[in-house]
Amino acid sequence: MPVLALTAPAANAQGAWFDVPPVSVARATLAGAAAPCPEAADGSRKQVKDACVYAFGGLSASPTGQVTVYDTVEAFDHAANDWTALAPLPTARGRLAGAAAPCPTGLNGSRGAAKETCVYAIGGSNLTTDFLNTVEALAVGSGNTERAQ
């Protein structure tokens, strides 16, 4: 199923949504956040004004009722019109919250602590325990994911 998006000017002018490429795996109860695009494999980085949409975690169920919990992390680059797979979440889960904010001081892989942007995966459920209080951060400039302390 395609993901739908609309830029503000187009929304005001047209009042309609348009299709963008789908995420790699159909899933529900995933989290999302908007943050600067990640570094490319060659170490280059898009201009600061370029932002990507991040989708992470989530759950899916097969027709037989088998539930899968995902650690998938992807970034959508509107300029390339494509999703890029990133380092997986250390803790697979669904029903989580997502946010983007400055990285915590001392996060490994973060270049400038508060100057680097992190995408946060907050709480959720892995379906084997009650709800989780786990918080993990992805430093979008370095691609490193780890638990925020």
C-alpha atoms as a PDB file:
ATOM      1  CA  MET A   1       0.000   0.000   0.000  1.00  0.00           C
ATOM      2  CA  PRO A   2       1.534   3.356  -0.973  1.00  0.00           C
ATOM      3  CA  VAL A   3       2.382   6.066   1.525  1.00  0.00           C
ATOM      4  CA  LEU A   4       0.556   9.304   0.830  1.00  0.00           C
ATOM      5  CA  ALA A   5       2.016  12.767   1.263  1.00  0.00           C
ATOM      6  CA  LEU A   6       1.299  16.300   0.182  1.00  0.00           C
ATOM      7  CA  THR A   7       3.417  19.424   0.356  1.00  0.00           C
ATOM      8  CA  ALA A   8       1.762  22.421   2.032  1.00  0.00           C
ATOM      9  CA  PRO A   9       1.563  24.529  -1.169  1.00  0.00           C
ATOM     10  CA  ALA A  10       0.119  21.610  -3.113  1.00  0.00           C
ATOM     11  CA  ALA A  11      -2.359  20.849  -0.325  1.00  0.00           C
ATOM     12  CA  ASN A  12      -3.606  24.420  -0.352  1.00  0.00           C
ATOM     13  CA  ALA A  13      -3.750  24.530  -4.134  1.00  0.00           C
ATOM     14  CA  GLN A  14      -5.158  21.078  -4.815  1.00  0.00           C
ATOM     15  CA  GLY A  15      -6.649  19.755  -1.595  1.00  0.00           C
ATOM     16  CA  ALA A  16      -5.447  16.264  -2.505  1.00  0.00           C
ATOM     17  CA  TRP A  17      -2.856  13.655  -1.523  1.00  0.00           C
ATOM     18  CA  PHE A  18      -0.383  11.988  -3.879  1.00  0.00           C
ATOM     19  CA  ASP A  19       1.442   8.655  -3.777  1.00  0.00           C
ATOM     20  CA  VAL A  20       5.085   8.209  -2.842  1.00  0.00           C
ATOM     21  CA  PRO A  21       6.977   4.899  -2.849  1.00  0.00           C
ATOM     22  CA  PRO A  22       5.894   2.453  -0.128  1.00  0.00           C
ATOM     23  CA  VAL A  23       8.041   1.412   2.827  1.00  0.00           C
ATOM     24  CA  SER A  24       9.860  -1.917   2.429  1.00  0.00           C
ATOM     25  CA  VAL A  25       7.527  -3.886   4.716  1.00  0.00           C
ATOM     26  CA  ALA A  26       3.813  -3.302   5.278  1.00  0.00           C
ATOM     27  CA  ARG A  27       3.350  -2.831   9.015  1.00  0.00           C
ATOM     28  CA  ALA A  28       1.188  -1.054  11.566  1.00  0.00           C
ATOM     29  CA  THR A  29       1.840   0.731  14.853  1.00  0.00           C
ATOM     30  CA  LEU A  30       5.196   2.004  13.614  1.00  0.00           C
ATOM     31  CA  ALA A  31       6.669   5.375  14.569  1.00  0.00           C
ATOM     32  CA  GLY A  32       7.754   8.270  12.412  1.00  0.00           C
ATOM     33  CA  ALA A  33       9.753  11.462  12.672  1.00  0.00           C
ATOM     34  CA  ALA A  34      11.176  14.143  10.383  1.00  0.00           C
ATOM     35  CA  ALA A  35      14.867  15.013  10.675  1.00  0.00           C
ATOM     36  CA  PRO A  36      17.864  15.868   8.488  1.00  0.00           C
ATOM     37  CA  CYS A  37      18.658  13.181   5.940  1.00  0.00           C
ATOM     38  CA  PRO A  38      21.311  10.625   6.934  1.00  0.00           C
ATOM     39  CA  GLU A  39      24.855  10.671   5.613  1.00  0.00           C
ATOM     40  CA  ALA A  40      25.390   8.865   2.339  1.00  0.00           C
ATOM     41  CA  ALA A  41      27.638   5.793   2.262  1.00  0.00           C
ATOM     42  CA  ASP A  42      30.436   7.962   0.847  1.00  0.00           C
ATOM     43  CA  GLY A  43      30.253  10.278   3.884  1.00  0.00           C
ATOM     44  CA  SER A  44      28.598  13.133   2.015  1.00  0.00           C
ATOM     45  CA  ARG A  45      25.572  14.831   3.482  1.00  0.00           C
ATOM     46  CA  LYS A  46      22.687  16.664   1.937  1.00  0.00           C
ATOM     47  CA  GLN A  47      22.240  20.331   2.681  1.00  0.00           C
ATOM     48  CA  VAL A  48      20.941  21.060   6.176  1.00  0.00           C
ATOM     49  CA  LYS A  49      17.609  22.245   4.786  1.00  0.00           C
ATOM     50  CA  ASP A  50      16.941  18.777   3.335  1.00  0.00           C
ATOM     51  CA  ALA A  51      14.816  16.697   5.666  1.00  0.00           C
ATOM     52  CA  CYS A  52      13.850  13.046   5.469  1.00  0.00           C
ATOM     53  CA  VAL A  53      10.899  11.175   6.917  1.00  0.00           C
ATOM     54  CA  TYR A  54      11.961   8.305   9.191  1.00  0.00           C
ATOM     55  CA  ALA A  55       9.785   5.220   9.754  1.00  0.00           C
ATOM     56  CA  PHE A  56      10.790   2.664  12.367  1.00  0.00           C
ATOM     57  CA  GLY A  57       9.552  -0.392  14.222  1.00  0.00           C
ATOM     58  CA  GLY A  58       6.044  -1.725  13.831  1.00  0.00           C
ATOM     59  CA  LEU A  59       4.021  -4.923  13.782  1.00  0.00           C
ATOM     60  CA  SER A  60       2.394  -7.062  11.119  1.00  0.00           C
ATOM     61  CA  ALA A  61       0.177 -10.132  11.225  1.00  0.00           C
ATOM     62  CA  SER A  62       0.001 -12.986   8.743  1.00  0.00           C
ATOM     63  CA  PRO A  63      -3.332 -14.457   7.604  1.00  0.00           C
ATOM     64  CA  THR A  64      -2.760 -17.254  10.157  1.00  0.00           C
ATOM     65  CA  GLY A  65      -2.419 -14.723  12.986  1.00  0.00           C
ATOM     66  CA  GLN A  66       1.384 -14.934  13.373  1.00  0.00           C
ATOM     67  CA  VAL A  67       2.557 -11.508  14.591  1.00  0.00           C
ATOM     68  CA  THR A  68       5.967 -10.153  13.557  1.00  0.00           C
ATOM     69  CA  VAL A  69       7.705  -7.380  15.500  1.00  0.00           C
ATOM     70  CA  TYR A  70      10.064  -5.240  13.395  1.00  0.00           C
ATOM     71  CA  ASP A  71      13.387  -3.514  14.075  1.00  0.00           C
ATOM     72  CA  THR A  72      13.300  -1.905  10.614  1.00  0.00           C
ATOM     73  CA  VAL A  73      14.433   1.716  10.216  1.00  0.00           C
ATOM     74  CA  GLU A  74      14.028   3.567   6.916  1.00  0.00           C
ATOM     75  CA  ALA A  75      14.461   7.145   5.729  1.00  0.00           C
ATOM     76  CA  PHE A  76      12.451   8.678   2.880  1.00  0.00           C
ATOM     77  CA  ASP A  77      14.346  11.237   0.815  1.00  0.00           C
ATOM     78  CA  HIS A  78      11.854  13.371  -1.098  1.00  0.00           C
ATOM     79  CA  ALA A  79      14.500  14.577  -3.566  1.00  0.00           C
ATOM     80  CA  ALA A  80      15.425  11.004  -4.555  1.00  0.00           C
ATOM     81  CA  ASN A  81      11.817   9.798  -4.096  1.00  0.00           C
ATOM     82  CA  ASP A  82      13.145   6.678  -2.394  1.00  0.00           C
ATOM     83  CA  TRP A  83      13.410   4.925   0.987  1.00  0.00           C
ATOM     84  CA  THR A  84      16.834   3.947   2.366  1.00  0.00           C
ATOM     85  CA  ALA A  85      17.314   1.166   4.936  1.00  0.00           C
ATOM     86  CA  LEU A  86      19.314   2.263   7.988  1.00  0.00           C
ATOM     87  CA  ALA A  87      20.777   0.527  11.045  1.00  0.00           C
ATOM     88  CA  PRO A  88      18.020  -1.506  12.718  1.00  0.00           C
ATOM     89  CA  LEU A  89      16.572  -0.656  16.108  1.00  0.00           C
ATOM     90  CA  PRO A  90      18.453  -2.462  18.892  1.00  0.00           C
ATOM     91  CA  THR A  91      15.029  -3.367  20.346  1.00  0.00           C
ATOM     92  CA  ALA A  92      12.392  -4.542  17.857  1.00  0.00           C
ATOM     93  CA  ARG A  93       8.976  -3.201  18.816  1.00  0.00           C
ATOM     94  CA  GLY A  94       5.695  -1.726  17.737  1.00  0.00           C
ATOM     95  CA  ARG A  95       3.258   0.678  19.401  1.00  0.00           C
ATOM     96  CA  LEU A  96       6.138   3.078  19.972  1.00  0.00           C
ATOM     97  CA  ALA A  97       6.500   6.840  19.707  1.00  0.00           C
ATOM     98  CA  GLY A  98       9.017   8.686  17.571  1.00  0.00           C
ATOM     99  CA  ALA A  99      10.584  12.120  17.790  1.00  0.00           C
ATOM    100  CA  ALA A 100      13.536  14.099  16.446  1.00  0.00           C
ATOM    101  CA  ALA A 101      15.633  16.324  18.697  1.00  0.00           C
ATOM    102  CA  PRO A 102      19.274  17.102  19.503  1.00  0.00           C
ATOM    103  CA  CYS A 103      21.329  14.042  20.455  1.00  0.00           C
ATOM    104  CA  PRO A 104      22.131  13.485  24.116  1.00  0.00           C
ATOM    105  CA  THR A 105      25.614  14.491  25.210  1.00  0.00           C
ATOM    106  CA  GLY A 106      28.086  11.647  24.848  1.00  0.00           C
ATOM    107  CA  LEU A 107      26.114   9.484  22.427  1.00  0.00           C
ATOM    108  CA  ASN A 108      28.706   7.383  20.570  1.00  0.00           C
ATOM    109  CA  GLY A 109      28.886   8.354  16.925  1.00  0.00           C
ATOM    110  CA  SER A 110      27.418  11.782  17.528  1.00  0.00           C
ATOM    111  CA  ARG A 111      29.772  14.430  16.215  1.00  0.00           C
ATOM    112  CA  GLY A 112      28.759  17.395  18.244  1.00  0.00           C
ATOM    113  CA  ALA A 113      26.418  16.212  20.960  1.00  0.00           C
ATOM    114  CA  ALA A 114      23.610  18.768  20.940  1.00  0.00           C
ATOM    115  CA  LYS A 115      24.525  19.967  17.425  1.00  0.00           C
ATOM    116  CA  GLU A 116      23.769  16.538  15.946  1.00  0.00           C
ATOM    117  CA  THR A 117      20.147  15.527  15.379  1.00  0.00           C
ATOM    118  CA  CYS A 118      18.885  12.191  16.659  1.00  0.00           C
ATOM    119  CA  VAL A 119      15.711  10.294  15.868  1.00  0.00           C
ATOM    120  CA  TYR A 120      14.306   8.743  19.055  1.00  0.00           C
ATOM    121  CA  ALA A 121      12.367   5.472  19.361  1.00  0.00           C
ATOM    122  CA  ILE A 122      10.436   5.705  22.622  1.00  0.00           C
ATOM    123  CA  GLY A 123       8.669   2.930  24.551  1.00  0.00           C
ATOM    124  CA  GLY A 124       6.376   0.518  22.762  1.00  0.00           C
ATOM    125  CA  SER A 125       5.810  -3.212  23.037  1.00  0.00           C
ATOM    126  CA  ASN A 126       7.752  -6.245  21.863  1.00  0.00           C
ATOM    127  CA  LEU A 127       4.716  -8.486  22.607  1.00  0.00           C
ATOM    128  CA  THR A 128       6.725 -10.682  25.004  1.00  0.00           C
ATOM    129  CA  THR A 129       6.620  -8.322  27.994  1.00  0.00           C
ATOM    130  CA  ASP A 130       4.317  -5.583  29.103  1.00  0.00           C
ATOM    131  CA  PHE A 131       5.100  -2.166  27.764  1.00  0.00           C
ATOM    132  CA  LEU A 132       8.729  -1.070  27.352  1.00  0.00           C
ATOM    133  CA  ASN A 133      10.405   1.983  28.854  1.00  0.00           C
ATOM    134  CA  THR A 134      13.298   1.651  26.388  1.00  0.00           C
ATOM    135  CA  VAL A 135      14.483   4.800  24.598  1.00  0.00           C
ATOM    136  CA  GLU A 136      16.972   4.489  21.724  1.00  0.00           C
ATOM    137  CA  ALA A 137      18.474   7.212  19.568  1.00  0.00           C
ATOM    138  CA  LEU A 138      19.776   7.171  16.000  1.00  0.00           C
ATOM    139  CA  ALA A 139      22.342   9.907  15.263  1.00  0.00           C
ATOM    140  CA  VAL A 140      21.231  10.667  11.719  1.00  0.00           C
ATOM    141  CA  GLY A 141      24.618  12.052  10.694  1.00  0.00           C
ATOM    142  CA  SER A 142      26.512   8.932  11.678  1.00  0.00           C
ATOM    143  CA  GLY A 143      23.906   6.218  11.281  1.00  0.00           C
ATOM    144  CA  ASN A 144      24.738   4.849  14.757  1.00  0.00           C
ATOM    145  CA  THR A 145      21.856   3.606  16.880  1.00  0.00           C
ATOM    146  CA  GLU A 146      22.099   3.038  20.601  1.00  0.00           C
ATOM    147  CA  ARG A 147      20.175   3.378  23.828  1.00  0.00           C
ATOM    148  CA  ALA A 148      19.924   6.868  25.184  1.00  0.00           C
ATOM    149  CA  GLN A 149      20.995   6.966  28.853  1.00  0.00           C
END
